[in-house]
Amino acid sequence: MSNEADFLDAVLHIDEQFIQDGYEQGRIIGQEVERKEGAALGVQKGFEIGNEVGFYEGCLQVWEALCISHPELFSDRSLKSLQILREKIAEFSWNDPRKEDILDVLDQIRGKFKQSKSQIGEPLPKASVQGVYF
């Protein structure tokens, strides 16, 4: 009688076991999918941020070259602003994406870029970098 009771008990609880097994398999597959999607999103956002900072650095290099060839175009104030922009770009962490203040530094770079641009008076096309507006 004990074997029959164990058998009937197993049959009665088989649906619970299948539900539990399905839940566990779904959780494992979901974690794998989330990890892949997270990595893809991280690559995309990292590229966008790198593109933006690269744009700022490229503009800075052009302005610095102009400072050498045409120093009369730049006031002391604009030169100081460019120096601070250079320091902020150098402060940006390219090697440690987990650094917590990376977005704060990016905001400071954006602000200093806008300030430098307005002091120099050099208009830049808005379509220079996709998604970056001045």
N, C-alpha and C. Protein backbone atom coordinates (compact mmCIF):
# COMPACT_ATOMS: atom_id res chain seq x y z
N MET A 1 0.82 -1.19 0.00
CA MET A 1 0.00 0.00 0.00
C MET A 1 0.87 1.26 0.00
N SER A 2 1.99 1.17 0.63
CA SER A 2 2.89 2.31 0.71
C SER A 2 3.42 2.69 -0.66
N ASN A 3 3.71 1.69 -1.50
CA ASN A 3 4.19 1.98 -2.86
C ASN A 3 3.12 2.66 -3.68
N GLU A 4 1.87 2.20 -3.51
CA GLU A 4 0.77 2.83 -4.25
C GLU A 4 0.58 4.27 -3.81
N ALA A 5 0.69 4.54 -2.52
CA ALA A 5 0.53 5.90 -1.99
C ALA A 5 1.65 6.80 -2.51
N ASP A 6 2.88 6.28 -2.52
CA ASP A 6 4.00 7.06 -3.04
C ASP A 6 3.81 7.36 -4.53
N PHE A 7 3.33 6.35 -5.27
CA PHE A 7 3.11 6.53 -6.70
C PHE A 7 2.03 7.57 -6.96
N LEU A 8 0.91 7.46 -6.25
CA LEU A 8 -0.18 8.42 -6.41
C LEU A 8 0.24 9.82 -5.98
N ASP A 9 1.03 9.89 -4.93
CA ASP A 9 1.53 11.18 -4.46
C ASP A 9 2.43 11.83 -5.52
N ALA A 10 3.28 11.02 -6.16
CA ALA A 10 4.16 11.53 -7.21
C ALA A 10 3.35 12.00 -8.41
N VAL A 11 2.30 11.25 -8.76
CA VAL A 11 1.46 11.62 -9.89
C VAL A 11 0.72 12.93 -9.59
N LEU A 12 0.24 13.08 -8.37
CA LEU A 12 -0.49 14.29 -7.99
C LEU A 12 0.41 15.53 -8.00
N HIS A 13 1.69 15.37 -7.73
CA HIS A 13 2.60 16.51 -7.63
C HIS A 13 3.48 16.70 -8.87
N ILE A 14 3.22 15.91 -9.90
CA ILE A 14 4.07 16.02 -11.10
C ILE A 14 3.90 17.37 -11.79
N ASP A 15 2.68 17.91 -11.78
CA ASP A 15 2.48 19.21 -12.42
C ASP A 15 3.26 20.30 -11.69
N GLU A 16 3.32 20.23 -10.37
CA GLU A 16 4.10 21.20 -9.60
C GLU A 16 5.59 21.09 -9.95
N GLN A 17 6.06 19.85 -10.13
CA GLN A 17 7.47 19.65 -10.49
C GLN A 17 7.77 20.23 -11.87
N PHE A 18 6.85 20.01 -12.84
CA PHE A 18 7.04 20.56 -14.18
C PHE A 18 7.02 22.09 -14.15
N ILE A 19 6.15 22.66 -13.35
CA ILE A 19 6.09 24.11 -13.23
C ILE A 19 7.40 24.64 -12.65
N GLN A 20 7.89 23.99 -11.62
CA GLN A 20 9.14 24.41 -11.00
C GLN A 20 10.32 24.26 -11.97
N ASP A 21 10.38 23.14 -12.71
CA ASP A 21 11.45 22.94 -13.69
C ASP A 21 11.37 23.98 -14.80
N GLY A 22 10.18 24.26 -15.28
CA GLY A 22 10.00 25.26 -16.33
C GLY A 22 10.40 26.65 -15.86
N TYR A 23 10.05 26.97 -14.64
CA TYR A 23 10.43 28.26 -14.08
C TYR A 23 11.94 28.40 -14.01
N GLU A 24 12.61 27.36 -13.54
CA GLU A 24 14.07 27.39 -13.41
C GLU A 24 14.74 27.50 -14.78
N GLN A 25 14.26 26.76 -15.76
CA GLN A 25 14.82 26.84 -17.11
C GLN A 25 14.59 28.23 -17.72
N GLY A 26 13.42 28.78 -17.52
CA GLY A 26 13.12 30.12 -18.02
C GLY A 26 13.99 31.18 -17.37
N ARG A 27 14.24 31.03 -16.08
CA ARG A 27 15.10 31.98 -15.37
C ARG A 27 16.52 31.93 -15.93
N ILE A 28 17.04 30.75 -16.17
CA ILE A 28 18.40 30.61 -16.70
C ILE A 28 18.50 31.19 -18.11
N ILE A 29 17.53 30.87 -18.96
CA ILE A 29 17.53 31.40 -20.33
C ILE A 29 17.35 32.92 -20.31
N GLY A 30 16.48 33.41 -19.45
CA GLY A 30 16.24 34.85 -19.34
C GLY A 30 17.50 35.60 -18.91
N GLN A 31 18.26 35.04 -17.99
CA GLN A 31 19.50 35.68 -17.56
C GLN A 31 20.49 35.76 -18.71
N GLU A 32 20.57 34.72 -19.50
CA GLU A 32 21.49 34.70 -20.64
C GLU A 32 21.08 35.75 -21.68
N VAL A 33 19.79 35.82 -21.98
CA VAL A 33 19.30 36.80 -22.95
C VAL A 33 19.53 38.21 -22.43
N GLU A 34 19.24 38.46 -21.16
CA GLU A 34 19.44 39.79 -20.57
C GLU A 34 20.91 40.19 -20.61
N ARG A 35 21.79 39.25 -20.36
CA ARG A 35 23.23 39.54 -20.38
C ARG A 35 23.66 39.95 -21.80
N LYS A 36 23.18 39.22 -22.81
CA LYS A 36 23.53 39.55 -24.20
C LYS A 36 22.95 40.90 -24.60
N GLU A 37 21.70 41.16 -24.25
CA GLU A 37 21.08 42.44 -24.58
C GLU A 37 21.77 43.59 -23.85
N GLY A 38 22.14 43.36 -22.60
CA GLY A 38 22.85 44.37 -21.83
C GLY A 38 24.21 44.68 -22.42
N ALA A 39 24.91 43.65 -22.87
CA ALA A 39 26.22 43.86 -23.49
C ALA A 39 26.08 44.65 -24.79
N ALA A 40 25.09 44.31 -25.59
CA ALA A 40 24.87 45.02 -26.86
C ALA A 40 24.52 46.49 -26.61
N LEU A 41 23.67 46.74 -25.62
CA LEU A 41 23.31 48.12 -25.28
C LEU A 41 24.53 48.88 -24.76
N GLY A 42 25.34 48.21 -23.95
CA GLY A 42 26.55 48.84 -23.44
C GLY A 42 27.51 49.23 -24.54
N VAL A 43 27.67 48.36 -25.53
CA VAL A 43 28.54 48.67 -26.67
C VAL A 43 27.99 49.87 -27.44
N GLN A 44 26.69 49.87 -27.67
CA GLN A 44 26.06 50.98 -28.40
C GLN A 44 26.24 52.31 -27.67
N LYS A 45 25.92 52.33 -26.39
CA LYS A 45 26.03 53.58 -25.62
C LYS A 45 27.49 54.00 -25.48
N GLY A 46 28.38 53.04 -25.30
CA GLY A 46 29.80 53.35 -25.22
C GLY A 46 30.30 53.98 -26.51
N PHE A 47 29.84 53.46 -27.63
CA PHE A 47 30.22 54.04 -28.92
C PHE A 47 29.70 55.46 -29.05
N GLU A 48 28.46 55.69 -28.65
CA GLU A 48 27.88 57.03 -28.74
C GLU A 48 28.64 58.03 -27.88
N ILE A 49 28.97 57.63 -26.66
CA ILE A 49 29.71 58.52 -25.76
C ILE A 49 31.12 58.76 -26.30
N GLY A 50 31.77 57.71 -26.76
CA GLY A 50 33.11 57.86 -27.33
C GLY A 50 33.11 58.75 -28.56
N ASN A 51 32.09 58.61 -29.38
CA ASN A 51 31.95 59.45 -30.57
C ASN A 51 31.79 60.92 -30.17
N GLU A 52 30.98 61.16 -29.16
CA GLU A 52 30.75 62.53 -28.70
C GLU A 52 32.02 63.15 -28.12
N VAL A 53 32.71 62.43 -27.25
CA VAL A 53 33.93 62.97 -26.66
C VAL A 53 35.01 63.14 -27.74
N GLY A 54 35.06 62.22 -28.69
CA GLY A 54 35.99 62.36 -29.80
C GLY A 54 35.71 63.60 -30.63
N PHE A 55 34.45 63.92 -30.82
CA PHE A 55 34.08 65.14 -31.54
C PHE A 55 34.59 66.37 -30.80
N TYR A 56 34.36 66.39 -29.48
CA TYR A 56 34.82 67.52 -28.69
C TYR A 56 36.34 67.66 -28.76
N GLU A 57 37.03 66.54 -28.68
CA GLU A 57 38.50 66.58 -28.74
C GLU A 57 38.98 67.02 -30.12
N GLY A 58 38.30 66.58 -31.16
CA GLY A 58 38.66 67.02 -32.51
C GLY A 58 38.49 68.52 -32.68
N CYS A 59 37.37 69.06 -32.18
CA CYS A 59 37.17 70.52 -32.23
C CYS A 59 38.26 71.23 -31.44
N LEU A 60 38.59 70.69 -30.28
CA LEU A 60 39.63 71.29 -29.46
C LEU A 60 40.97 71.31 -30.20
N GLN A 61 41.29 70.24 -30.88
CA GLN A 61 42.55 70.18 -31.63
C GLN A 61 42.58 71.23 -32.75
N VAL A 62 41.46 71.42 -33.42
CA VAL A 62 41.38 72.44 -34.46
C VAL A 62 41.57 73.83 -33.85
N TRP A 63 40.88 74.09 -32.74
CA TRP A 63 41.00 75.38 -32.08
C TRP A 63 42.43 75.62 -31.59
N GLU A 64 43.06 74.58 -31.06
CA GLU A 64 44.44 74.73 -30.59
C GLU A 64 45.39 75.01 -31.76
N ALA A 65 45.14 74.37 -32.89
CA ALA A 65 45.96 74.65 -34.08
C ALA A 65 45.75 76.09 -34.54
N LEU A 66 44.51 76.56 -34.47
CA LEU A 66 44.23 77.95 -34.83
C LEU A 66 44.90 78.92 -33.86
N CYS A 67 44.99 78.52 -32.59
CA CYS A 67 45.66 79.37 -31.59
C CYS A 67 47.11 79.59 -31.98
N ILE A 68 47.73 78.57 -32.53
CA ILE A 68 49.14 78.66 -32.92
C ILE A 68 49.28 79.51 -34.18
N SER A 69 48.42 79.25 -35.16
CA SER A 69 48.57 79.94 -36.44
C SER A 69 47.96 81.35 -36.44
N HIS A 70 46.93 81.57 -35.63
CA HIS A 70 46.26 82.88 -35.58
C HIS A 70 45.95 83.25 -34.12
N PRO A 71 46.96 83.55 -33.34
CA PRO A 71 46.73 83.85 -31.92
C PRO A 71 45.87 85.09 -31.70
N GLU A 72 45.80 85.97 -32.67
CA GLU A 72 45.01 87.20 -32.51
C GLU A 72 43.51 86.92 -32.45
N LEU A 73 43.09 85.72 -32.86
CA LEU A 73 41.67 85.37 -32.86
C LEU A 73 41.16 84.96 -31.47
N PHE A 74 42.08 84.72 -30.54
CA PHE A 74 41.69 84.15 -29.26
C PHE A 74 42.04 85.09 -28.11
N SER A 75 41.05 85.32 -27.26
CA SER A 75 41.29 86.13 -26.06
C SER A 75 41.91 85.25 -24.98
N ASP A 76 42.42 85.90 -23.94
CA ASP A 76 42.99 85.14 -22.82
C ASP A 76 41.91 84.26 -22.18
N ARG A 77 40.72 84.78 -22.13
CA ARG A 77 39.60 84.05 -21.54
C ARG A 77 39.28 82.78 -22.34
N SER A 78 39.27 82.91 -23.66
CA SER A 78 38.98 81.74 -24.49
C SER A 78 40.12 80.73 -24.43
N LEU A 79 41.36 81.19 -24.31
CA LEU A 79 42.50 80.27 -24.16
C LEU A 79 42.40 79.49 -22.85
N LYS A 80 42.01 80.18 -21.80
CA LYS A 80 41.84 79.52 -20.49
C LYS A 80 40.71 78.48 -20.58
N SER A 81 39.64 78.84 -21.26
CA SER A 81 38.53 77.91 -21.43
C SER A 81 38.96 76.67 -22.20
N LEU A 82 39.77 76.86 -23.24
CA LEU A 82 40.28 75.71 -24.00
C LEU A 82 41.20 74.84 -23.15
N GLN A 83 41.98 75.47 -22.29
CA GLN A 83 42.87 74.71 -21.41
C GLN A 83 42.05 73.84 -20.45
N ILE A 84 40.99 74.41 -19.90
CA ILE A 84 40.14 73.65 -18.98
C ILE A 84 39.43 72.53 -19.73
N LEU A 85 38.98 72.81 -20.95
CA LEU A 85 38.35 71.76 -21.76
C LEU A 85 39.34 70.62 -21.99
N ARG A 86 40.59 70.94 -22.30
CA ARG A 86 41.62 69.90 -22.48
C ARG A 86 41.78 69.07 -21.22
N GLU A 87 41.78 69.72 -20.05
CA GLU A 87 41.91 69.01 -18.77
C GLU A 87 40.71 68.09 -18.53
N LYS A 88 39.52 68.59 -18.84
CA LYS A 88 38.31 67.77 -18.63
C LYS A 88 38.30 66.55 -19.55
N ILE A 89 38.72 66.74 -20.79
CA ILE A 89 38.78 65.61 -21.72
C ILE A 89 39.83 64.60 -21.24
N ALA A 90 40.95 65.09 -20.73
CA ALA A 90 41.99 64.20 -20.20
C ALA A 90 41.49 63.45 -18.96
N GLU A 91 40.59 64.08 -18.22
CA GLU A 91 40.03 63.47 -17.01
C GLU A 91 39.03 62.35 -17.34
N PHE A 92 38.49 62.38 -18.54
CA PHE A 92 37.49 61.39 -18.95
C PHE A 92 38.12 60.00 -18.93
N SER A 93 37.44 59.05 -18.34
CA SER A 93 37.96 57.70 -18.17
C SER A 93 37.62 56.82 -19.37
N TRP A 94 38.62 56.54 -20.21
CA TRP A 94 38.41 55.67 -21.36
C TRP A 94 38.58 54.20 -20.97
N ASN A 95 39.33 53.93 -19.91
CA ASN A 95 39.71 52.56 -19.59
C ASN A 95 38.85 51.91 -18.52
N ASP A 96 38.09 52.69 -17.78
CA ASP A 96 37.28 52.12 -16.71
C ASP A 96 35.83 52.57 -16.85
N PRO A 97 35.03 51.84 -17.65
CA PRO A 97 33.65 52.26 -17.86
C PRO A 97 32.77 52.14 -16.62
N ARG A 98 33.26 51.44 -15.60
CA ARG A 98 32.47 51.30 -14.38
C ARG A 98 32.68 52.46 -13.42
N LYS A 99 33.55 53.39 -13.80
CA LYS A 99 33.80 54.55 -12.96
C LYS A 99 32.49 55.33 -12.81
N GLU A 100 32.13 55.62 -11.59
CA GLU A 100 30.80 56.17 -11.30
C GLU A 100 30.61 57.61 -11.77
N ASP A 101 31.68 58.38 -11.86
CA ASP A 101 31.52 59.79 -12.20
C ASP A 101 31.70 60.07 -13.69
N ILE A 102 31.66 59.05 -14.52
CA ILE A 102 31.90 59.21 -15.95
C ILE A 102 30.87 60.15 -16.59
N LEU A 103 29.62 60.05 -16.18
CA LEU A 103 28.58 60.93 -16.75
C LEU A 103 28.71 62.35 -16.23
N ASP A 104 29.18 62.50 -14.99
CA ASP A 104 29.42 63.84 -14.46
C ASP A 104 30.54 64.54 -15.24
N VAL A 105 31.61 63.80 -15.52
CA VAL A 105 32.72 64.36 -16.29
C VAL A 105 32.24 64.69 -17.71
N LEU A 106 31.42 63.82 -18.29
CA LEU A 106 30.89 64.08 -19.63
C LEU A 106 30.04 65.36 -19.63
N ASP A 107 29.23 65.56 -18.61
CA ASP A 107 28.44 66.79 -18.50
C ASP A 107 29.34 68.02 -18.38
N GLN A 108 30.43 67.90 -17.63
CA GLN A 108 31.38 69.01 -17.50
C GLN A 108 32.05 69.31 -18.84
N ILE A 109 32.38 68.26 -19.58
CA ILE A 109 32.99 68.45 -20.91
C ILE A 109 32.00 69.16 -21.83
N ARG A 110 30.75 68.72 -21.81
CA ARG A 110 29.72 69.37 -22.64
C ARG A 110 29.60 70.85 -22.31
N GLY A 111 29.55 71.15 -21.02
CA GLY A 111 29.41 72.53 -20.60
C GLY A 111 30.61 73.38 -20.99
N LYS A 112 31.79 72.84 -20.78
CA LYS A 112 33.01 73.59 -21.13
C LYS A 112 33.14 73.75 -22.63
N PHE A 113 32.69 72.76 -23.39
CA PHE A 113 32.72 72.87 -24.85
C PHE A 113 31.80 74.00 -25.31
N LYS A 114 30.59 74.04 -24.76
CA LYS A 114 29.65 75.11 -25.13
C LYS A 114 30.21 76.48 -24.77
N GLN A 115 30.82 76.57 -23.60
CA GLN A 115 31.40 77.83 -23.17
C GLN A 115 32.54 78.23 -24.10
N SER A 116 33.42 77.30 -24.42
CA SER A 116 34.54 77.59 -25.32
C SER A 116 34.04 78.02 -26.68
N LYS A 117 33.06 77.31 -27.18
CA LYS A 117 32.50 77.62 -28.50
C LYS A 117 31.92 79.02 -28.52
N SER A 118 31.22 79.41 -27.48
CA SER A 118 30.62 80.74 -27.46
C SER A 118 31.69 81.82 -27.31
N GLN A 119 32.74 81.54 -26.56
CA GLN A 119 33.81 82.54 -26.39
C GLN A 119 34.61 82.72 -27.67
N ILE A 120 34.81 81.64 -28.39
CA ILE A 120 35.56 81.72 -29.64
C ILE A 120 34.70 82.34 -30.73
N GLY A 121 33.41 82.08 -30.65
CA GLY A 121 32.50 82.62 -31.64
C GLY A 121 32.52 81.84 -32.93
N GLU A 122 32.98 80.63 -32.86
CA GLU A 122 33.08 79.78 -34.04
C GLU A 122 31.81 78.95 -34.16
N PRO A 123 30.98 79.21 -35.17
CA PRO A 123 29.79 78.39 -35.34
C PRO A 123 30.15 77.02 -35.88
N LEU A 124 29.55 76.03 -35.31
CA LEU A 124 29.75 74.66 -35.78
C LEU A 124 28.40 74.14 -36.26
N PRO A 125 28.39 73.36 -37.32
CA PRO A 125 27.11 72.84 -37.80
C PRO A 125 26.51 71.89 -36.78
N LYS A 126 25.20 71.98 -36.61
CA LYS A 126 24.52 71.13 -35.64
C LYS A 126 24.53 69.66 -36.06
N ALA A 127 24.67 69.40 -37.32
CA ALA A 127 24.66 68.03 -37.81
C ALA A 127 26.04 67.39 -37.76
N SER A 128 27.00 68.03 -37.09
CA SER A 128 28.36 67.49 -37.04
C SER A 128 28.40 66.13 -36.36
N VAL A 129 27.66 65.98 -35.30
CA VAL A 129 27.61 64.71 -34.59
C VAL A 129 26.15 64.36 -34.41
N GLN A 130 25.81 63.19 -34.84
CA GLN A 130 24.42 62.75 -34.77
C GLN A 130 24.02 62.62 -33.30
N GLY A 131 22.93 63.26 -32.93
CA GLY A 131 22.42 63.15 -31.58
C GLY A 131 23.03 64.13 -30.60
N VAL A 132 24.00 64.94 -31.02
CA VAL A 132 24.61 65.93 -30.13
C VAL A 132 24.19 67.30 -30.61
N TYR A 133 23.57 68.05 -29.71
CA TYR A 133 23.06 69.36 -30.07
C TYR A 133 23.72 70.40 -29.18
N PHE A 134 24.02 71.54 -29.76
CA PHE A 134 24.73 72.58 -29.03
C PHE A 134 23.82 73.74 -28.76
